[in-house]
Amino acid sequence: MTLPASEKHALQAPIEALREQAKAARRQGEAAGRDAAVAVMHMLLDKHSGGALIAQIDGADAPALLAALDVAKSKAPETAVLLVSPDAEAGKVSIAARVPQSLIAKGLKAGDWVKAAAQACGGSGGGKPDMAQAGGKDASKVGEAIDAAKAAKALAAKVS
């Protein structure tokens, strides 16, 4: 079915209004996810007793994980942190890590750390020694990703 140009023109304004509403809803959802991840990070750091922090934060996308890592950097600058967030609906896993210079010198590199976790859940990734991101393709293997991150951290500690 072909619409006349006058009808197409008349529909443009309502369609654009709907697009703007959808964008606003998406931004609001992203902000809520980021705020939730930051709140969880504060809670985790309050309970953390030392050493590297490896944790699962549900419902967080990659930007939310990065926001949580920023909290860790300001609140516990000498703590290495690796965060994993499964998205069962999309069937993927977001992974992000931050490692302070003192631990990089001892052999723990964020890029290698996230890569080990990502490979355990069918993904890949990497980055710099101090900050890295990765993604996995199998959200059902988030437990294996966490175990791989713990093993990679332990291996780095033995090497140094």
N, C-alpha and C. Protein backbone atom coordinates (compact mmCIF):
# COMPACT_ATOMS: atom_id res chain seq x y z
N MET A 1 0.84 -1.17 0.00
CA MET A 1 0.00 0.00 0.00
C MET A 1 0.89 1.25 0.00
N THR A 2 0.60 2.15 -0.86
CA THR A 2 1.36 3.38 -0.97
C THR A 2 0.54 4.53 -0.41
N LEU A 3 1.19 5.34 0.43
CA LEU A 3 0.52 6.50 1.00
C LEU A 3 0.81 7.73 0.15
N PRO A 4 -0.17 8.58 -0.01
CA PRO A 4 0.08 9.84 -0.70
C PRO A 4 1.06 10.70 0.11
N ALA A 5 1.78 11.55 -0.56
CA ALA A 5 2.78 12.40 0.07
C ALA A 5 2.17 13.25 1.20
N SER A 6 0.97 13.72 1.02
CA SER A 6 0.36 14.57 2.06
C SER A 6 0.11 13.76 3.34
N GLU A 7 -0.28 12.49 3.21
CA GLU A 7 -0.49 11.66 4.40
C GLU A 7 0.85 11.31 5.06
N LYS A 8 1.87 11.03 4.25
CA LYS A 8 3.20 10.76 4.80
C LYS A 8 3.68 11.95 5.62
N HIS A 9 3.49 13.14 5.05
CA HIS A 9 3.92 14.35 5.73
C HIS A 9 3.16 14.55 7.04
N ALA A 10 1.87 14.25 7.03
CA ALA A 10 1.05 14.40 8.22
C ALA A 10 1.46 13.41 9.32
N LEU A 11 2.00 12.26 8.94
CA LEU A 11 2.40 11.24 9.91
C LEU A 11 3.80 11.48 10.50
N GLN A 12 4.58 12.32 9.85
CA GLN A 12 5.96 12.53 10.31
C GLN A 12 6.05 13.07 11.72
N ALA A 13 5.25 14.04 12.07
CA ALA A 13 5.32 14.62 13.42
C ALA A 13 4.96 13.61 14.50
N PRO A 14 3.84 12.85 14.37
CA PRO A 14 3.53 11.86 15.42
C PRO A 14 4.59 10.76 15.50
N ILE A 15 5.14 10.36 14.38
CA ILE A 15 6.18 9.32 14.38
C ILE A 15 7.43 9.84 15.09
N GLU A 16 7.80 11.07 14.80
CA GLU A 16 8.98 11.65 15.46
C GLU A 16 8.75 11.78 16.96
N ALA A 17 7.55 12.13 17.36
CA ALA A 17 7.23 12.23 18.79
C ALA A 17 7.38 10.86 19.46
N LEU A 18 6.92 9.81 18.79
CA LEU A 18 7.06 8.45 19.33
C LEU A 18 8.53 8.04 19.42
N ARG A 19 9.32 8.42 18.43
CA ARG A 19 10.76 8.12 18.47
C ARG A 19 11.42 8.80 19.67
N GLU A 20 11.05 10.04 19.91
CA GLU A 20 11.62 10.77 21.04
C GLU A 20 11.20 10.13 22.37
N GLN A 21 9.96 9.67 22.46
CA GLN A 21 9.49 8.99 23.67
C GLN A 21 10.27 7.70 23.89
N ALA A 22 10.50 6.96 22.82
CA ALA A 22 11.26 5.71 22.91
C ALA A 22 12.69 5.99 23.35
N LYS A 23 13.32 7.04 22.81
CA LYS A 23 14.68 7.40 23.21
C LYS A 23 14.73 7.77 24.69
N ALA A 24 13.76 8.55 25.12
CA ALA A 24 13.72 8.98 26.52
C ALA A 24 13.54 7.77 27.45
N ALA A 25 12.68 6.85 27.07
CA ALA A 25 12.46 5.64 27.87
C ALA A 25 13.73 4.80 27.94
N ARG A 26 14.44 4.70 26.81
CA ARG A 26 15.69 3.93 26.77
C ARG A 26 16.73 4.59 27.67
N ARG A 27 16.86 5.90 27.59
CA ARG A 27 17.82 6.62 28.44
C ARG A 27 17.47 6.45 29.92
N GLN A 28 16.19 6.50 30.22
CA GLN A 28 15.75 6.34 31.61
C GLN A 28 16.08 4.93 32.11
N GLY A 29 15.85 3.93 31.27
CA GLY A 29 16.18 2.55 31.64
C GLY A 29 17.67 2.36 31.84
N GLU A 30 18.47 2.96 30.97
CA GLU A 30 19.93 2.87 31.10
C GLU A 30 20.39 3.54 32.39
N ALA A 31 19.81 4.69 32.70
CA ALA A 31 20.18 5.40 33.93
C ALA A 31 19.80 4.58 35.15
N ALA A 32 18.65 3.94 35.11
CA ALA A 32 18.22 3.11 36.24
C ALA A 32 19.16 1.93 36.42
N GLY A 33 19.56 1.30 35.32
CA GLY A 33 20.51 0.18 35.38
C GLY A 33 21.85 0.62 35.92
N ARG A 34 22.31 1.78 35.49
CA ARG A 34 23.59 2.33 35.96
C ARG A 34 23.50 2.64 37.46
N ASP A 35 22.42 3.27 37.87
CA ASP A 35 22.24 3.60 39.29
C ASP A 35 22.20 2.33 40.15
N ALA A 36 21.52 1.30 39.67
CA ALA A 36 21.44 0.04 40.41
C ALA A 36 22.81 -0.61 40.53
N ALA A 37 23.58 -0.61 39.44
CA ALA A 37 24.92 -1.21 39.47
C ALA A 37 25.83 -0.45 40.42
N VAL A 38 25.72 0.85 40.43
CA VAL A 38 26.53 1.68 41.34
C VAL A 38 26.14 1.39 42.79
N ALA A 39 24.85 1.25 43.06
CA ALA A 39 24.39 0.95 44.42
C ALA A 39 24.91 -0.41 44.87
N VAL A 40 24.86 -1.40 43.99
CA VAL A 40 25.37 -2.74 44.32
C VAL A 40 26.87 -2.67 44.58
N MET A 41 27.59 -1.89 43.78
CA MET A 41 29.04 -1.76 43.97
C MET A 41 29.35 -1.17 45.33
N HIS A 42 28.61 -0.15 45.74
CA HIS A 42 28.81 0.43 47.07
C HIS A 42 28.60 -0.63 48.15
N MET A 43 27.56 -1.43 48.00
CA MET A 43 27.27 -2.49 48.96
C MET A 43 28.39 -3.53 49.00
N LEU A 44 28.85 -3.94 47.81
CA LEU A 44 29.92 -4.93 47.74
C LEU A 44 31.20 -4.42 48.40
N LEU A 45 31.52 -3.17 48.14
CA LEU A 45 32.74 -2.60 48.72
C LEU A 45 32.62 -2.44 50.24
N ASP A 46 31.43 -2.14 50.73
CA ASP A 46 31.23 -2.03 52.17
C ASP A 46 31.45 -3.37 52.87
N LYS A 47 31.12 -4.46 52.20
CA LYS A 47 31.26 -5.80 52.78
C LYS A 47 32.63 -6.42 52.47
N HIS A 48 33.35 -5.87 51.51
CA HIS A 48 34.60 -6.46 51.04
C HIS A 48 35.69 -6.39 52.11
N SER A 49 36.38 -7.51 52.30
CA SER A 49 37.38 -7.58 53.36
C SER A 49 38.82 -7.55 52.86
N GLY A 50 39.01 -7.40 51.58
CA GLY A 50 40.38 -7.32 51.05
C GLY A 50 40.59 -8.26 49.88
N GLY A 51 41.69 -8.07 49.19
CA GLY A 51 41.99 -8.88 48.01
C GLY A 51 41.17 -8.42 46.82
N ALA A 52 41.26 -9.18 45.76
CA ALA A 52 40.51 -8.86 44.55
C ALA A 52 39.01 -9.09 44.79
N LEU A 53 38.22 -8.30 44.12
CA LEU A 53 36.77 -8.41 44.22
C LEU A 53 36.23 -8.89 42.88
N ILE A 54 35.65 -10.07 42.87
CA ILE A 54 35.04 -10.64 41.67
C ILE A 54 33.57 -10.84 42.01
N ALA A 55 32.69 -10.19 41.24
CA ALA A 55 31.27 -10.22 41.60
C ALA A 55 30.38 -10.22 40.38
N GLN A 56 29.18 -10.73 40.59
CA GLN A 56 28.13 -10.72 39.58
C GLN A 56 27.14 -9.61 39.94
N ILE A 57 26.85 -8.76 38.96
CA ILE A 57 25.83 -7.73 39.13
C ILE A 57 24.78 -7.98 38.05
N ASP A 58 23.63 -8.41 38.47
CA ASP A 58 22.57 -8.73 37.51
C ASP A 58 21.95 -7.46 36.93
N GLY A 59 21.56 -7.53 35.67
CA GLY A 59 20.83 -6.45 35.03
C GLY A 59 21.67 -5.26 34.63
N ALA A 60 22.98 -5.41 34.56
CA ALA A 60 23.85 -4.29 34.21
C ALA A 60 24.42 -4.48 32.81
N ASP A 61 24.35 -3.44 32.00
CA ASP A 61 25.01 -3.50 30.69
C ASP A 61 26.44 -3.01 30.87
N ALA A 62 27.21 -2.99 29.78
CA ALA A 62 28.61 -2.61 29.86
C ALA A 62 28.81 -1.20 30.45
N PRO A 63 28.05 -0.18 30.02
CA PRO A 63 28.24 1.14 30.63
C PRO A 63 27.94 1.15 32.14
N ALA A 64 26.97 0.36 32.56
CA ALA A 64 26.65 0.29 34.00
C ALA A 64 27.80 -0.35 34.77
N LEU A 65 28.42 -1.39 34.18
CA LEU A 65 29.57 -2.01 34.83
C LEU A 65 30.73 -1.03 34.94
N LEU A 66 30.93 -0.25 33.89
CA LEU A 66 32.01 0.75 33.93
C LEU A 66 31.75 1.81 34.99
N ALA A 67 30.49 2.20 35.15
CA ALA A 67 30.14 3.16 36.21
C ALA A 67 30.43 2.56 37.58
N ALA A 68 30.12 1.28 37.75
CA ALA A 68 30.41 0.60 39.01
C ALA A 68 31.92 0.52 39.25
N LEU A 69 32.69 0.29 38.20
CA LEU A 69 34.15 0.27 38.34
C LEU A 69 34.70 1.64 38.74
N ASP A 70 34.07 2.69 38.26
CA ASP A 70 34.48 4.04 38.67
C ASP A 70 34.29 4.24 40.17
N VAL A 71 33.20 3.70 40.70
CA VAL A 71 32.96 3.76 42.14
C VAL A 71 34.07 3.02 42.88
N ALA A 72 34.40 1.82 42.38
CA ALA A 72 35.45 1.02 43.02
C ALA A 72 36.79 1.76 42.99
N LYS A 73 37.06 2.41 41.87
CA LYS A 73 38.33 3.14 41.74
C LYS A 73 38.42 4.27 42.77
N SER A 74 37.32 4.97 43.00
CA SER A 74 37.36 6.08 43.94
C SER A 74 37.27 5.61 45.39
N LYS A 75 36.53 4.54 45.64
CA LYS A 75 36.31 4.10 47.01
C LYS A 75 37.38 3.11 47.50
N ALA A 76 37.94 2.31 46.58
CA ALA A 76 38.95 1.31 46.94
C ALA A 76 39.99 1.26 45.82
N PRO A 77 40.81 2.29 45.70
CA PRO A 77 41.71 2.42 44.55
C PRO A 77 42.75 1.31 44.42
N GLU A 78 43.08 0.60 45.48
CA GLU A 78 44.08 -0.47 45.41
C GLU A 78 43.46 -1.86 45.29
N THR A 79 42.17 -1.92 45.00
CA THR A 79 41.47 -3.20 44.86
C THR A 79 41.23 -3.51 43.39
N ALA A 80 41.64 -4.70 42.98
CA ALA A 80 41.33 -5.17 41.63
C ALA A 80 39.87 -5.64 41.63
N VAL A 81 39.12 -5.25 40.61
CA VAL A 81 37.69 -5.58 40.55
C VAL A 81 37.35 -6.14 39.18
N LEU A 82 36.67 -7.27 39.16
CA LEU A 82 36.12 -7.84 37.92
C LEU A 82 34.63 -8.05 38.15
N LEU A 83 33.82 -7.49 37.26
CA LEU A 83 32.37 -7.59 37.36
C LEU A 83 31.81 -8.34 36.16
N VAL A 84 30.83 -9.18 36.43
CA VAL A 84 30.18 -9.99 35.42
C VAL A 84 28.68 -9.75 35.51
N SER A 85 28.03 -9.57 34.36
CA SER A 85 26.59 -9.37 34.36
C SER A 85 25.95 -10.19 33.24
N PRO A 86 25.20 -11.24 33.61
CA PRO A 86 24.53 -12.03 32.58
C PRO A 86 23.22 -11.37 32.13
N ASP A 87 22.91 -11.54 30.86
CA ASP A 87 21.63 -11.10 30.31
C ASP A 87 21.01 -12.34 29.68
N ALA A 88 20.22 -13.06 30.46
CA ALA A 88 19.65 -14.33 30.00
C ALA A 88 18.74 -14.13 28.80
N GLU A 89 18.01 -13.02 28.78
CA GLU A 89 17.10 -12.74 27.68
C GLU A 89 17.84 -12.62 26.35
N ALA A 90 18.95 -11.90 26.37
CA ALA A 90 19.75 -11.72 25.16
C ALA A 90 20.77 -12.85 25.00
N GLY A 91 20.95 -13.66 26.05
CA GLY A 91 21.89 -14.77 25.98
C GLY A 91 23.34 -14.35 25.96
N LYS A 92 23.66 -13.23 26.62
CA LYS A 92 25.05 -12.77 26.60
C LYS A 92 25.50 -12.37 28.00
N VAL A 93 26.79 -12.13 28.11
CA VAL A 93 27.39 -11.76 29.39
C VAL A 93 28.28 -10.54 29.16
N SER A 94 28.14 -9.53 30.00
CA SER A 94 29.03 -8.37 29.97
C SER A 94 30.05 -8.54 31.09
N ILE A 95 31.30 -8.24 30.78
CA ILE A 95 32.39 -8.39 31.75
C ILE A 95 33.25 -7.13 31.69
N ALA A 96 33.64 -6.63 32.85
CA ALA A 96 34.53 -5.47 32.91
C ALA A 96 35.45 -5.62 34.12
N ALA A 97 36.67 -5.13 33.97
CA ALA A 97 37.63 -5.22 35.08
C ALA A 97 38.50 -3.98 35.16
N ARG A 98 38.96 -3.72 36.37
CA ARG A 98 39.90 -2.64 36.65
C ARG A 98 40.95 -3.18 37.60
N VAL A 99 42.21 -2.90 37.28
CA VAL A 99 43.33 -3.38 38.09
C VAL A 99 44.25 -2.20 38.40
N PRO A 100 44.57 -2.00 39.69
CA PRO A 100 45.47 -0.89 40.03
C PRO A 100 46.92 -1.21 39.63
N GLN A 101 47.72 -0.17 39.49
CA GLN A 101 49.12 -0.32 39.05
C GLN A 101 49.90 -1.27 39.96
N SER A 102 49.65 -1.23 41.25
CA SER A 102 50.40 -2.09 42.17
C SER A 102 50.19 -3.57 41.87
N LEU A 103 49.01 -3.94 41.41
CA LEU A 103 48.74 -5.35 41.08
C LEU A 103 49.15 -5.68 39.65
N ILE A 104 49.15 -4.69 38.77
CA ILE A 104 49.67 -4.91 37.41
C ILE A 104 51.14 -5.29 37.52
N ALA A 105 51.87 -4.61 38.40
CA ALA A 105 53.30 -4.90 38.61
C ALA A 105 53.51 -6.32 39.13
N LYS A 106 52.50 -6.87 39.79
CA LYS A 106 52.59 -8.24 40.32
C LYS A 106 52.08 -9.28 39.33
N GLY A 107 51.65 -8.83 38.14
CA GLY A 107 51.27 -9.79 37.10
C GLY A 107 49.81 -9.88 36.74
N LEU A 108 48.92 -9.18 37.45
CA LEU A 108 47.50 -9.22 37.11
C LEU A 108 47.18 -8.10 36.13
N LYS A 109 46.74 -8.47 34.96
CA LYS A 109 46.41 -7.49 33.92
C LYS A 109 44.93 -7.62 33.57
N ALA A 110 44.23 -6.50 33.55
CA ALA A 110 42.78 -6.51 33.32
C ALA A 110 42.42 -7.18 32.00
N GLY A 111 43.18 -6.91 30.94
CA GLY A 111 42.89 -7.50 29.63
C GLY A 111 42.93 -9.02 29.65
N ASP A 112 43.96 -9.57 30.29
CA ASP A 112 44.07 -11.03 30.39
C ASP A 112 42.97 -11.60 31.29
N TRP A 113 42.65 -10.85 32.33
CA TRP A 113 41.66 -11.28 33.31
C TRP A 113 40.27 -11.40 32.68
N VAL A 114 39.84 -10.38 31.95
CA VAL A 114 38.52 -10.43 31.32
C VAL A 114 38.49 -11.46 30.19
N LYS A 115 39.61 -11.61 29.51
CA LYS A 115 39.67 -12.59 28.42
C LYS A 115 39.44 -14.01 28.96
N ALA A 116 40.06 -14.33 30.09
CA ALA A 116 39.86 -15.65 30.70
C ALA A 116 38.40 -15.87 31.08
N ALA A 117 37.78 -14.86 31.67
CA ALA A 117 36.37 -14.97 32.06
C ALA A 117 35.48 -15.11 30.83
N ALA A 118 35.76 -14.32 29.79
CA ALA A 118 34.94 -14.34 28.58
C ALA A 118 35.04 -15.67 27.86
N GLN A 119 36.23 -16.23 27.79
CA GLN A 119 36.40 -17.51 27.11
C GLN A 119 35.59 -18.61 27.78
N ALA A 120 35.43 -18.52 29.10
CA ALA A 120 34.66 -19.53 29.84
C ALA A 120 33.18 -19.50 29.49
N CYS A 121 32.70 -18.37 28.95
CA CYS A 121 31.28 -18.29 28.58
C CYS A 121 31.12 -18.01 27.08
N GLY A 122 32.08 -18.50 26.31
CA GLY A 122 31.96 -18.46 24.86
C GLY A 122 32.22 -17.13 24.21
N GLY A 123 32.98 -16.27 24.84
CA GLY A 123 33.20 -14.95 24.27
C GLY A 123 34.66 -14.59 24.16
N SER A 124 34.88 -13.31 23.99
CA SER A 124 36.24 -12.80 23.90
C SER A 124 36.25 -11.35 24.35
N GLY A 125 37.43 -10.83 24.49
CA GLY A 125 37.56 -9.45 24.90
C GLY A 125 38.98 -9.17 25.31
N GLY A 126 39.19 -8.00 25.80
CA GLY A 126 40.52 -7.61 26.23
C GLY A 126 40.56 -6.13 26.48
N GLY A 127 41.75 -5.64 26.61
CA GLY A 127 41.91 -4.22 26.87
C GLY A 127 43.27 -3.93 27.42
N LYS A 128 43.37 -2.85 28.11
CA LYS A 128 44.63 -2.41 28.67
C LYS A 128 44.89 -3.14 29.99
N PRO A 129 46.10 -3.06 30.49
CA PRO A 129 46.39 -3.72 31.76
C PRO A 129 45.57 -3.19 32.94
N ASP A 130 45.18 -1.90 32.88
CA ASP A 130 44.44 -1.33 34.01
C ASP A 130 42.93 -1.38 33.86
N MET A 131 42.42 -1.48 32.63
CA MET A 131 40.97 -1.47 32.40
C MET A 131 40.65 -2.28 31.16
N ALA A 132 39.63 -3.13 31.26
CA ALA A 132 39.28 -3.96 30.10
C ALA A 132 37.82 -4.35 30.16
N GLN A 133 37.29 -4.70 28.97
CA GLN A 133 35.91 -5.17 28.83
C GLN A 133 35.89 -6.42 27.97
N ALA A 134 34.88 -7.23 28.17
CA ALA A 134 34.71 -8.42 27.36
C ALA A 134 33.24 -8.77 27.31
N GLY A 135 32.93 -9.71 26.45
CA GLY A 135 31.57 -10.19 26.34
C GLY A 135 31.55 -11.68 26.12
N GLY A 136 30.57 -12.32 26.70
CA GLY A 136 30.38 -13.75 26.52
C GLY A 136 29.09 -13.99 25.76
N LYS A 137 29.00 -15.15 25.15
CA LYS A 137 27.84 -15.48 24.33
C LYS A 137 26.88 -16.45 24.99
N ASP A 138 27.21 -16.94 26.18
CA ASP A 138 26.37 -17.93 26.85
C ASP A 138 26.13 -17.53 28.30
N ALA A 139 25.00 -16.89 28.55
CA ALA A 139 24.68 -16.39 29.89
C ALA A 139 24.53 -17.51 30.91
N SER A 140 24.26 -18.72 30.46
CA SER A 140 24.12 -19.83 31.41
C SER A 140 25.46 -20.24 32.01
N LYS A 141 26.56 -19.75 31.46
CA LYS A 141 27.89 -20.12 31.94
C LYS A 141 28.54 -19.00 32.75
N VAL A 142 27.73 -18.13 33.35
CA VAL A 142 28.28 -17.03 34.14
C VAL A 142 29.07 -17.55 35.33
N GLY A 143 28.64 -18.65 35.92
CA GLY A 143 29.38 -19.25 37.04
C GLY A 143 30.76 -19.70 36.61
N GLU A 144 30.85 -20.29 35.42
CA GLU A 144 32.14 -20.72 34.89
C GLU A 144 33.04 -19.51 34.62
N ALA A 145 32.44 -18.41 34.17
CA ALA A 145 33.21 -17.19 33.92
C ALA A 145 33.80 -16.65 35.22
N ILE A 146 33.02 -16.67 36.29
CA ILE A 146 33.51 -16.22 37.59
C ILE A 146 34.62 -17.13 38.09
N ASP A 147 34.43 -18.45 37.93
CA ASP A 147 35.48 -19.40 38.33
C ASP A 147 36.76 -19.18 37.54
N ALA A 148 36.64 -18.92 36.24
CA ALA A 148 37.81 -18.67 35.39
C ALA A 148 38.51 -17.39 35.82
N ALA A 149 37.76 -16.37 36.21
CA ALA A 149 38.35 -15.12 36.67
C ALA A 149 39.12 -15.36 37.97
N LYS A 150 38.56 -16.16 38.87
CA LYS A 150 39.25 -16.47 40.11
C LYS A 150 40.54 -17.25 39.84
N ALA A 151 40.47 -18.21 38.93
CA ALA A 151 41.66 -19.01 38.58
C ALA A 151 42.73 -18.15 37.92
N ALA A 152 42.34 -17.25 37.03
CA ALA A 152 43.30 -16.36 36.36
C ALA A 152 43.95 -15.43 37.36
N LYS A 153 43.19 -14.93 38.32
CA LYS A 153 43.74 -14.05 39.35
C LYS A 153 44.72 -14.82 40.21
N ALA A 154 44.38 -16.06 40.59
CA ALA A 154 45.27 -16.88 41.40
C ALA A 154 46.55 -17.21 40.64
N LEU A 155 46.44 -17.48 39.36
CA LEU A 155 47.62 -17.79 38.54
C LEU A 155 48.53 -16.58 38.46
N ALA A 156 47.95 -15.40 38.26
CA ALA A 156 48.76 -14.18 38.20
C ALA A 156 49.49 -13.94 39.51
N ALA A 157 48.85 -14.26 40.63
CA ALA A 157 49.48 -14.07 41.93
C ALA A 157 50.66 -15.04 42.10
N LYS A 158 50.56 -16.24 41.56
CA LYS A 158 51.63 -17.23 41.69
C LYS A 158 52.83 -16.88 40.80
N VAL A 159 52.55 -16.27 39.63
CA VAL A 159 53.60 -15.94 38.70
C VAL A 159 54.49 -14.83 39.24
N SER A 160 53.91 -13.89 39.95
CA SER A 160 54.69 -12.73 40.41
C SER A 160 55.59 -13.08 41.58
